[in-house]
C-alpha atoms as a PDB file:
ATOM      1  CA  UNK A   1     136.926  80.422 -14.457  1.00  0.00           C
ATOM      2  CA  UNK A   2     135.437  77.466 -13.376  1.00  0.00           C
ATOM      3  CA  UNK A   3     133.589  76.176 -16.479  1.00  0.00           C
ATOM      4  CA  UNK A   4     134.948  76.039 -20.054  1.00  0.00           C
ATOM      5  CA  UNK A   5     133.904  78.735 -22.048  1.00  0.00           C
ATOM      6  CA  UNK A   6     132.983  76.962 -25.560  1.00  0.00           C
ATOM      7  CA  UNK A   7     131.203  73.803 -25.067  1.00  0.00           C
ATOM      8  CA  UNK A   8     127.752  73.012 -25.233  1.00  0.00           C
ATOM      9  CA  UNK A   9     128.270  70.482 -22.543  1.00  0.00           C
ATOM     10  CA  UNK A  10     130.115  72.538 -19.606  1.00  0.00           C
ATOM     11  CA  UNK A  11     130.628  70.249 -16.042  1.00  0.00           C
ATOM     12  CA  UNK A  12     133.417  72.227 -14.026  1.00  0.00           C
ATOM     13  CA  UNK A  13     137.217  72.085 -14.727  1.00  0.00           C
ATOM     14  CA  UNK A  14     139.170  69.248 -12.838  1.00  0.00           C
ATOM     15  CA  UNK A  15     142.578  71.514 -12.855  1.00  0.00           C
ATOM     16  CA  UNK A  16     140.417  73.642 -10.528  1.00  0.00           C
ATOM     17  CA  UNK A  17     139.802  70.433  -7.354  1.00  0.00           C
ATOM     18  CA  UNK A  18     140.804  71.387  -3.734  1.00  0.00           C
ATOM     19  CA  UNK A  19     142.078  68.461  -1.792  1.00  0.00           C
ATOM     20  CA  UNK A  20     139.350  67.840   1.152  1.00  0.00           C
ATOM     21  CA  UNK A  21     140.187  65.078   3.943  1.00  0.00           C
ATOM     22  CA  UNK A  22     138.298  63.892   7.161  1.00  0.00           C
ATOM     23  CA  UNK A  23     138.660  60.694   9.994  1.00  0.00           C
ATOM     24  CA  UNK A  24     136.997  57.778  10.898  1.00  0.00           C
ATOM     25  CA  UNK A  25     138.053  56.473  13.568  1.00  0.00           C
ATOM     26  CA  UNK A  26     141.578  57.116  12.699  1.00  0.00           C
ATOM     27  CA  UNK A  27     140.885  55.691   8.730  1.00  0.00           C
ATOM     28  CA  UNK A  28     142.118  58.292   6.693  1.00  0.00           C
ATOM     29  CA  UNK A  29     140.149  59.686   3.418  1.00  0.00           C
ATOM     30  CA  UNK A  30     141.323  62.432   1.431  1.00  0.00           C
ATOM     31  CA  UNK A  31     139.718  63.532  -1.739  1.00  0.00           C
ATOM     32  CA  UNK A  32     140.023  66.675  -4.425  1.00  0.00           C
ATOM     33  CA  UNK A  33     136.949  68.415  -6.120  1.00  0.00           C
ATOM     34  CA  UNK A  34     136.268  71.560  -7.630  1.00  0.00           C
ATOM     35  CA  UNK A  35     134.268  74.104  -5.188  1.00  0.00           C
ATOM     36  CA  UNK A  36     130.910  73.929  -5.134  1.00  0.00           C
ATOM     37  CA  UNK A  37     128.712  75.930  -8.050  1.00  0.00           C
ATOM     38  CA  UNK A  38     124.929  76.022  -7.794  1.00  0.00           C
ATOM     39  CA  UNK A  39     122.251  78.362  -7.197  1.00  0.00           C
ATOM     40  CA  UNK A  40     120.718  76.990  -4.563  1.00  0.00           C
ATOM     41  CA  UNK A  41     123.098  76.874  -1.924  1.00  0.00           C
ATOM     42  CA  UNK A  42     126.831  77.997  -0.258  1.00  0.00           C
ATOM     43  CA  UNK A  43     129.520  75.142   0.133  1.00  0.00           C
ATOM     44  CA  UNK A  44     128.604  73.762   3.708  1.00  0.00           C
ATOM     45  CA  UNK A  45     131.490  73.130   6.490  1.00  0.00           C
ATOM     46  CA  UNK A  46     132.122  69.753   8.058  1.00  0.00           C
ATOM     47  CA  UNK A  47     133.974  67.919  10.968  1.00  0.00           C
ATOM     48  CA  UNK A  48     137.305  67.082  10.655  1.00  0.00           C
ATOM     49  CA  UNK A  49     137.171  63.690  12.852  1.00  0.00           C
ATOM     50  CA  UNK A  50     134.455  61.487  13.764  1.00  0.00           C
ATOM     51  CA  UNK A  51     134.382  58.630  15.982  1.00  0.00           C
ATOM     52  CA  UNK A  52     132.390  55.319  14.280  1.00  0.00           C
ATOM     53  CA  UNK A  53     131.469  53.848  17.462  1.00  0.00           C
ATOM     54  CA  UNK A  54     129.491  57.127  19.057  1.00  0.00           C
ATOM     55  CA  UNK A  55     126.103  57.115  18.137  1.00  0.00           C
ATOM     56  CA  UNK A  56     125.872  61.068  18.341  1.00  0.00           C
ATOM     57  CA  UNK A  57     128.058  61.456  15.853  1.00  0.00           C
ATOM     58  CA  UNK A  58     125.430  60.174  13.465  1.00  0.00           C
ATOM     59  CA  UNK A  59     123.017  62.483  12.044  1.00  0.00           C
ATOM     60  CA  UNK A  60     119.880  60.515  13.474  1.00  0.00           C
ATOM     61  CA  UNK A  61     122.209  59.370  16.475  1.00  0.00           C
ATOM     62  CA  UNK A  62     120.788  54.891  16.225  1.00  0.00           C
ATOM     63  CA  UNK A  63     117.306  55.343  15.181  1.00  0.00           C
ATOM     64  CA  UNK A  64     117.908  54.303  11.916  1.00  0.00           C
ATOM     65  CA  UNK A  65     118.430  50.884  10.785  1.00  0.00           C
ATOM     66  CA  UNK A  66     121.659  52.151   9.078  1.00  0.00           C
ATOM     67  CA  UNK A  67     122.698  54.889  11.055  1.00  0.00           C
ATOM     68  CA  UNK A  68     124.492  56.858   8.474  1.00  0.00           C
ATOM     69  CA  UNK A  69     127.354  59.438   9.555  1.00  0.00           C
ATOM     70  CA  UNK A  70     127.325  63.155   6.882  1.00  0.00           C
ATOM     71  CA  UNK A  71     130.637  63.482   5.919  1.00  0.00           C
ATOM     72  CA  UNK A  72     130.734  65.646   2.971  1.00  0.00           C
ATOM     73  CA  UNK A  73     127.951  66.712   0.711  1.00  0.00           C
ATOM     74  CA  UNK A  74     129.024  68.704  -2.578  1.00  0.00           C
ATOM     75  CA  UNK A  75     127.024  70.464  -6.037  1.00  0.00           C
ATOM     76  CA  UNK A  76     127.559  71.153  -9.153  1.00  0.00           C
ATOM     77  CA  UNK A  77     125.327  73.113 -11.973  1.00  0.00           C
ATOM     78  CA  UNK A  78     125.919  71.319 -15.591  1.00  0.00           C
ATOM     79  CA  UNK A  79     125.945  74.167 -18.540  1.00  0.00           C
ATOM     80  CA  UNK A  80     124.938  74.783 -21.731  1.00  0.00           C
ATOM     81  CA  UNK A  81     125.924  77.132 -23.831  1.00  0.00           C
ATOM     82  CA  UNK A  82     126.861  80.250 -23.053  1.00  0.00           C
ATOM     83  CA  UNK A  83     124.770  83.347 -22.653  1.00  0.00           C
ATOM     84  CA  UNK A  84     121.790  81.274 -22.868  1.00  0.00           C
ATOM     85  CA  UNK A  85     121.552  80.843 -19.270  1.00  0.00           C
ATOM     86  CA  UNK A  86     120.236  77.202 -19.375  1.00  0.00           C
ATOM     87  CA  UNK A  87     121.853  74.349 -17.313  1.00  0.00           C
ATOM     88  CA  UNK A  88     121.570  70.710 -18.681  1.00  0.00           C
ATOM     89  CA  UNK A  89     121.273  69.699 -14.853  1.00  0.00           C
ATOM     90  CA  UNK A  90     123.270  68.640 -12.137  1.00  0.00           C
ATOM     91  CA  UNK A  91     125.604  66.512 -10.015  1.00  0.00           C
ATOM     92  CA  UNK A  92     125.839  66.174  -6.217  1.00  0.00           C
ATOM     93  CA  UNK A  93     128.162  64.603  -4.681  1.00  0.00           C
ATOM     94  CA  UNK A  94     127.350  62.913  -0.282  1.00  0.00           C
ATOM     95  CA  UNK A  95     130.156  60.755   0.837  1.00  0.00           C
ATOM     96  CA  UNK A  96     128.686  58.891   4.015  1.00  0.00           C
ATOM     97  CA  UNK A  97     129.873  56.642   6.691  1.00  0.00           C
ATOM     98  CA  UNK A  98     126.825  54.108   7.765  1.00  0.00           C
ATOM     99  CA  UNK A  99     126.959  51.454  10.730  1.00  0.00           C
ATOM    100  CA  UNK A 100     125.669  47.912   9.838  1.00  0.00           C
ATOM    101  CA  UNK A 101     123.751  46.576  13.000  1.00  0.00           C
ATOM    102  CA  UNK A 102     122.720  43.523  10.758  1.00  0.00           C
ATOM    103  CA  UNK A 103     125.926  41.461  11.850  1.00  0.00           C
ATOM    104  CA  UNK A 104     128.156  39.359   9.916  1.00  0.00           C
ATOM    105  CA  UNK A 105     131.397  40.695   8.582  1.00  0.00           C
ATOM    106  CA  UNK A 106     131.617  43.351   5.844  1.00  0.00           C
ATOM    107  CA  UNK A 107     135.176  42.868   5.257  1.00  0.00           C
ATOM    108  CA  UNK A 108     133.580  39.372   3.674  1.00  0.00           C
ATOM    109  CA  UNK A 109     132.723  39.780   0.276  1.00  0.00           C
ATOM    110  CA  UNK A 110     129.850  37.733  -0.303  1.00  0.00           C
ATOM    111  CA  UNK A 111     128.538  39.793   3.209  1.00  0.00           C
ATOM    112  CA  UNK A 112     129.271  43.340   1.933  1.00  0.00           C
ATOM    113  CA  UNK A 113     126.863  42.080  -1.342  1.00  0.00           C
ATOM    114  CA  UNK A 114     124.239  41.030   0.407  1.00  0.00           C
ATOM    115  CA  UNK A 115     124.324  43.741   2.655  1.00  0.00           C
ATOM    116  CA  UNK A 116     124.106  45.816  -0.369  1.00  0.00           C
ATOM    117  CA  UNK A 117     120.740  43.543  -1.542  1.00  0.00           C
ATOM    118  CA  UNK A 118     118.928  43.879   1.928  1.00  0.00           C
ATOM    119  CA  UNK A 119     119.531  48.105   1.969  1.00  0.00           C
ATOM    120  CA  UNK A 120     118.025  48.407  -1.103  1.00  0.00           C
ATOM    121  CA  UNK A 121     115.180  46.419  -0.958  1.00  0.00           C
ATOM    122  CA  UNK A 122     114.990  47.838   1.983  1.00  0.00           C
ATOM    123  CA  UNK A 123     114.373  51.328   0.417  1.00  0.00           C
ATOM    124  CA  UNK A 124     113.074  50.244  -2.708  1.00  0.00           C
ATOM    125  CA  UNK A 125     111.006  47.364  -1.904  1.00  0.00           C
ATOM    126  CA  UNK A 126     107.911  45.701  -2.723  1.00  0.00           C
ATOM    127  CA  UNK A 127     106.660  46.121   1.383  1.00  0.00           C
ATOM    128  CA  UNK A 128     108.276  50.110   0.790  1.00  0.00           C
ATOM    129  CA  UNK A 129     106.178  53.323  -0.111  1.00  0.00           C
ATOM    130  CA  UNK A 130     108.412  53.743  -2.970  1.00  0.00           C
ATOM    131  CA  UNK A 131     106.045  54.494  -5.895  1.00  0.00           C
ATOM    132  CA  UNK A 132     109.327  55.290  -8.518  1.00  0.00           C
ATOM    133  CA  UNK A 133     110.573  52.812 -10.565  1.00  0.00           C
ATOM    134  CA  UNK A 134     113.770  51.605  -9.985  1.00  0.00           C
ATOM    135  CA  UNK A 135     116.460  49.911 -11.495  1.00  0.00           C
ATOM    136  CA  UNK A 136     119.538  49.305  -9.024  1.00  0.00           C
ATOM    137  CA  UNK A 137     122.824  47.061  -9.927  1.00  0.00           C
ATOM    138  CA  UNK A 138     123.388  48.104 -13.165  1.00  0.00           C
ATOM    139  CA  UNK A 139     126.846  48.073 -14.703  1.00  0.00           C
ATOM    140  CA  UNK A 140     128.000  46.708 -11.140  1.00  0.00           C
ATOM    141  CA  UNK A 141     131.484  46.374 -11.250  1.00  0.00           C
ATOM    142  CA  UNK A 142     134.588  45.956  -9.067  1.00  0.00           C
ATOM    143  CA  UNK A 143     137.421  47.996  -9.117  1.00  0.00           C
ATOM    144  CA  UNK A 144     140.381  49.225  -7.577  1.00  0.00           C
ATOM    145  CA  UNK A 145     140.855  52.763  -6.573  1.00  0.00           C
ATOM    146  CA  UNK A 146     144.569  53.695  -5.208  1.00  0.00           C
ATOM    147  CA  UNK A 147     145.489  50.244  -4.414  1.00  0.00           C
ATOM    148  CA  UNK A 148     141.750  48.975  -2.453  1.00  0.00           C
ATOM    149  CA  UNK A 149     138.952  46.999  -3.731  1.00  0.00           C
ATOM    150  CA  UNK A 150     135.571  49.254  -3.873  1.00  0.00           C
ATOM    151  CA  UNK A 151     132.033  48.044  -5.749  1.00  0.00           C
ATOM    152  CA  UNK A 152     130.796  50.790  -8.228  1.00  0.00           C
ATOM    153  CA  UNK A 153     127.438  50.596 -10.001  1.00  0.00           C
ATOM    154  CA  UNK A 154     124.584  53.205 -10.573  1.00  0.00           C
ATOM    155  CA  UNK A 155     120.826  53.487  -9.347  1.00  0.00           C
ATOM    156  CA  UNK A 156     118.124  54.824 -12.261  1.00  0.00           C
ATOM    157  CA  UNK A 157     114.734  56.285 -10.575  1.00  0.00           C
ATOM    158  CA  UNK A 158     111.828  56.449 -12.674  1.00  0.00           C
ATOM    159  CA  UNK A 159     108.734  59.027 -11.941  1.00  0.00           C
ATOM    160  CA  UNK A 160     108.286  60.930 -14.691  1.00  0.00           C
ATOM    161  CA  UNK A 161     111.273  61.506 -16.235  1.00  0.00           C
ATOM    162  CA  UNK A 162     114.940  59.519 -15.297  1.00  0.00           C
ATOM    163  CA  UNK A 163     117.224  59.945 -12.954  1.00  0.00           C
ATOM    164  CA  UNK A 164     120.693  58.718 -11.987  1.00  0.00           C
ATOM    165  CA  UNK A 165     122.615  57.855  -9.294  1.00  0.00           C
ATOM    166  CA  UNK A 166     126.256  56.496  -9.509  1.00  0.00           C
ATOM    167  CA  UNK A 167     128.044  55.162  -6.298  1.00  0.00           C
ATOM    168  CA  UNK A 168     131.774  53.597  -5.390  1.00  0.00           C
ATOM    169  CA  UNK A 169     131.542  51.914  -1.653  1.00  0.00           C
ATOM    170  CA  UNK A 170     133.750  50.041   0.743  1.00  0.00           C
ATOM    171  CA  UNK A 171     134.301  48.174   3.968  1.00  0.00           C
ATOM    172  CA  UNK A 172     136.127  50.348   6.323  1.00  0.00           C
ATOM    173  CA  UNK A 173     135.821  48.204   9.288  1.00  0.00           C
ATOM    174  CA  UNK A 174     133.245  44.537   9.932  1.00  0.00           C
ATOM    175  CA  UNK A 175     130.737  46.886  10.541  1.00  0.00           C
ATOM    176  CA  UNK A 176     130.976  49.932   8.624  1.00  0.00           C
ATOM    177  CA  UNK A 177     130.840  51.475   5.197  1.00  0.00           C
ATOM    178  CA  UNK A 178     132.054  54.532   3.510  1.00  0.00           C
ATOM    179  CA  UNK A 179     129.821  55.166   0.256  1.00  0.00           C
ATOM    180  CA  UNK A 180     130.401  57.834  -2.443  1.00  0.00           C
ATOM    181  CA  UNK A 181     127.594  58.384  -3.846  1.00  0.00           C
ATOM    182  CA  UNK A 182     126.685  61.086  -7.047  1.00  0.00           C
ATOM    183  CA  UNK A 183     123.049  61.833  -7.837  1.00  0.00           C
ATOM    184  CA  UNK A 184     122.426  63.707 -10.773  1.00  0.00           C
ATOM    185  CA  UNK A 185     119.162  64.769 -12.931  1.00  0.00           C
ATOM    186  CA  UNK A 186     119.421  65.995 -16.147  1.00  0.00           C
ATOM    187  CA  UNK A 187     117.196  68.527 -17.772  1.00  0.00           C
ATOM    188  CA  UNK A 188     118.230  69.562 -21.178  1.00  0.00           C
ATOM    189  CA  UNK A 189     120.108  68.088 -24.036  1.00  0.00           C
ATOM    190  CA  UNK A 190     120.490  64.999 -25.638  1.00  0.00           C
ATOM    191  CA  UNK A 191     120.180  62.362 -22.261  1.00  0.00           C
ATOM    192  CA  UNK A 192     122.543  59.490 -23.459  1.00  0.00           C
ATOM    193  CA  UNK A 193     125.668  62.618 -23.886  1.00  0.00           C
ATOM    194  CA  UNK A 194     124.734  64.248 -20.679  1.00  0.00           C
ATOM    195  CA  UNK A 195     124.463  61.161 -18.682  1.00  0.00           C
ATOM    196  CA  UNK A 196     127.717  59.777 -20.343  1.00  0.00           C
ATOM    197  CA  UNK A 197     129.404  63.377 -19.798  1.00  0.00           C
ATOM    198  CA  UNK A 198     128.579  63.320 -16.089  1.00  0.00           C
ATOM    199  CA  UNK A 199     129.561  59.358 -15.371  1.00  0.00           C
ATOM    200  CA  UNK A 200     132.623  60.273 -16.702  1.00  0.00           C
ATOM    201  CA  UNK A 201     133.268  63.585 -14.566  1.00  0.00           C
ATOM    202  CA  UNK A 202     131.936  61.194 -10.921  1.00  0.00           C
ATOM    203  CA  UNK A 203     134.659  59.018 -12.338  1.00  0.00           C
ATOM    204  CA  UNK A 204     137.396  61.243 -12.357  1.00  0.00           C
ATOM    205  CA  UNK A 205     136.755  62.702  -9.246  1.00  0.00           C
ATOM    206  CA  UNK A 206     136.431  59.070  -7.870  1.00  0.00           C
ATOM    207  CA  UNK A 207     140.550  58.630  -8.755  1.00  0.00           C
ATOM    208  CA  UNK A 208     141.620  61.319  -6.736  1.00  0.00           C
ATOM    209  CA  UNK A 209     140.199  59.055  -3.258  1.00  0.00           C
ATOM    210  CA  UNK A 210     142.650  57.811  -1.422  1.00  0.00           C
ATOM    211  CA  UNK A 211     142.297  55.932   2.048  1.00  0.00           C
ATOM    212  CA  UNK A 212     144.527  54.730   4.875  1.00  0.00           C
ATOM    213  CA  UNK A 213     143.628  52.211   7.063  1.00  0.00           C
ATOM    214  CA  UNK A 214     145.210  52.403  11.243  1.00  0.00           C
ATOM    215  CA  UNK A 215     146.598  48.956  12.642  1.00  0.00           C
ATOM    216  CA  UNK A 216     143.746  48.291  13.896  1.00  0.00           C
ATOM    217  CA  UNK A 217     141.042  48.090  10.778  1.00  0.00           C
ATOM    218  CA  UNK A 218     144.176  46.174   8.881  1.00  0.00           C
ATOM    219  CA  UNK A 219     144.105  43.216  11.386  1.00  0.00           C
ATOM    220  CA  UNK A 220     140.134  42.887  10.829  1.00  0.00           C
ATOM    221  CA  UNK A 221     141.267  42.762   7.158  1.00  0.00           C
ATOM    222  CA  UNK A 222     143.761  40.209   7.754  1.00  0.00           C
ATOM    223  CA  UNK A 223     141.339  38.475   9.941  1.00  0.00           C
ATOM    224  CA  UNK A 224     138.745  38.181   6.955  1.00  0.00           C
ATOM    225  CA  UNK A 225     140.930  37.099   4.571  1.00  0.00           C
ATOM    226  CA  UNK A 226     142.738  34.362   6.785  1.00  0.00           C
ATOM    227  CA  UNK A 227     138.796  33.089   7.176  1.00  0.00           C
ATOM    228  CA  UNK A 228     137.727  33.835   3.671  1.00  0.00           C
ATOM    229  CA  UNK A 229     140.983  32.904   1.523  1.00  0.00           C
ATOM    230  CA  UNK A 230     140.394  34.278  -1.744  1.00  0.00           C
ATOM    231  CA  UNK A 231     137.200  35.516  -1.745  1.00  0.00           C
ATOM    232  CA  UNK A 232     136.339  38.228  -4.216  1.00  0.00           C
ATOM    233  CA  UNK A 233     133.911  40.058  -5.188  1.00  0.00           C
ATOM    234  CA  UNK A 234     131.109  39.135  -8.157  1.00  0.00           C
ATOM    235  CA  UNK A 235     132.212  40.583 -11.098  1.00  0.00           C
ATOM    236  CA  UNK A 236     129.281  40.843 -12.583  1.00  0.00           C
ATOM    237  CA  UNK A 237     125.613  41.578 -11.004  1.00  0.00           C
ATOM    238  CA  UNK A 238     122.662  40.866 -12.230  1.00  0.00           C
ATOM    239  CA  UNK A 239     120.062  44.475 -11.753  1.00  0.00           C
ATOM    240  CA  UNK A 240     117.042  44.542  -9.127  1.00  0.00           C
ATOM    241  CA  UNK A 241     114.491  45.983 -10.865  1.00  0.00           C
ATOM    242  CA  UNK A 242     111.151  47.051  -9.238  1.00  0.00           C
ATOM    243  CA  UNK A 243     108.707  48.126 -11.590  1.00  0.00           C
ATOM    244  CA  UNK A 244     105.780  50.484 -11.201  1.00  0.00           C
ATOM    245  CA  UNK A 245     103.106  51.994 -12.620  1.00  0.00           C
ATOM    246  CA  UNK A 246     102.852  55.734 -13.569  1.00  0.00           C
ATOM    247  CA  UNK A 247     100.872  57.352 -11.382  1.00  0.00           C
ATOM    248  CA  UNK A 248     100.485  60.991 -12.723  1.00  0.00           C
ATOM    249  CA  UNK A 249      99.379  58.876 -16.286  1.00  0.00           C
ATOM    250  CA  UNK A 250      96.521  57.231 -14.551  1.00  0.00           C
ATOM    251  CA  UNK A 251      92.289  58.414 -14.931  1.00  0.00           C
ATOM    252  CA  UNK A 252      91.492  59.241 -11.319  1.00  0.00           C
ATOM    253  CA  UNK A 253      88.918  55.861 -11.300  1.00  0.00           C
ATOM    254  CA  UNK A 254      92.355  53.695 -11.839  1.00  0.00           C
ATOM    255  CA  UNK A 255      94.015  55.611  -9.395  1.00  0.00           C
ATOM    256  CA  UNK A 256      91.538  55.303  -7.008  1.00  0.00           C
ATOM    257  CA  UNK A 257      91.460  51.625  -7.354  1.00  0.00           C
ATOM    258  CA  UNK A 258      95.215  51.959  -7.468  1.00  0.00           C
ATOM    259  CA  UNK A 259      95.778  53.172  -3.594  1.00  0.00           C
ATOM    260  CA  UNK A 260      92.666  50.754  -2.518  1.00  0.00           C
ATOM    261  CA  UNK A 261      94.802  47.994  -3.675  1.00  0.00           C
ATOM    262  CA  UNK A 262      98.015  49.117  -2.365  1.00  0.00           C
ATOM    263  CA  UNK A 263      96.600  49.516   1.328  1.00  0.00           C
ATOM    264  CA  UNK A 264      94.740  46.158   1.318  1.00  0.00           C
ATOM    265  CA  UNK A 265      90.678  48.164   0.923  1.00  0.00           C
ATOM    266  CA  UNK A 266      90.417  46.214  -2.637  1.00  0.00           C
ATOM    267  CA  UNK A 267      87.304  43.814  -2.229  1.00  0.00           C
ATOM    268  CA  UNK A 268      86.926  40.486  -3.304  1.00  0.00           C
ATOM    269  CA  UNK A 269      85.407  40.762  -6.593  1.00  0.00           C
ATOM    270  CA  UNK A 270      88.508  41.909  -8.605  1.00  0.00           C
ATOM    271  CA  UNK A 271      88.207  42.076 -12.193  1.00  0.00           C
ATOM    272  CA  UNK A 272      90.898  41.552 -14.793  1.00  0.00           C
ATOM    273  CA  UNK A 273      91.526  44.616 -15.344  1.00  0.00           C
ATOM    274  CA  UNK A 274      92.375  44.849 -11.004  1.00  0.00           C
ATOM    275  CA  UNK A 275      94.355  42.280 -11.531  1.00  0.00           C
ATOM    276  CA  UNK A 276      96.429  43.618 -14.165  1.00  0.00           C
ATOM    277  CA  UNK A 277      97.361  46.961 -12.242  1.00  0.00           C
ATOM    278  CA  UNK A 278      99.971  45.069 -10.218  1.00  0.00           C
ATOM    279  CA  UNK A 279     101.827  47.782  -8.239  1.00  0.00           C
ATOM    280  CA  UNK A 280     105.172  46.342  -8.230  1.00  0.00           C
ATOM    281  CA  UNK A 281     106.324  44.018 -10.218  1.00  0.00           C
ATOM    282  CA  UNK A 282     110.248  42.812  -9.518  1.00  0.00           C
ATOM    283  CA  UNK A 283     112.105  41.081 -12.449  1.00  0.00           C
ATOM    284  CA  UNK A 284     115.504  40.635 -14.201  1.00  0.00           C
ATOM    285  CA  UNK A 285     116.330  41.713 -17.451  1.00  0.00           C
END
């Protein structure tokens, strides 16, 4: 039985995990996860080998600012009490390899951190078409997993309800990084309990991740360590926040004013109320 029977909050048993593996230009990645369990689909079969330097292996070839290879996807329901047929949420897992085209060396810790900040700014920042309130770099923690340093943090998105995304990221070349991303949603039950249980589930899966680097990557890592000796990841980091209006709670008139202002159509005679309706506010705690 994949799920425990006697529990108010039930996630798949990790004793039922199956090992998956793939290779990225000689970088071997192994991890173990339970079988997919969701009413929304069936487990997709993914390739075992990818070329980091072949644009045809990327989802949209070379069209994106940071193209990515989809290496593995699965998801699980988070169940409640048996017989009530209620799900309390779900967890997805997206494993991807991304190509950073902005220059610099990702094996330099401060560069990897700067790239993550720039990527989140490009996705959630003030100049983007994002209407959600977003906080990233929550619970920022450098962690060692089976001998390799990773960066771990959480992203929270709010648009009526709050969703949580747990991320673990590691550079696998001077231009590429690997991401294990766990987007989660909570439907029922006490939010703190459900989210904490989902985080623990994801953390235990990450403990199974093993990476073996080929000689060409080890050489790049050694060159970076020689060039920037002793440089480490930041032990903590201030979250980045973009706080936005809740469009679902606006009156029709306020919504029209909001959209006019967002699209640059507001007149010169703004009222004090208009000025207070800032679309975005980027703050720190």
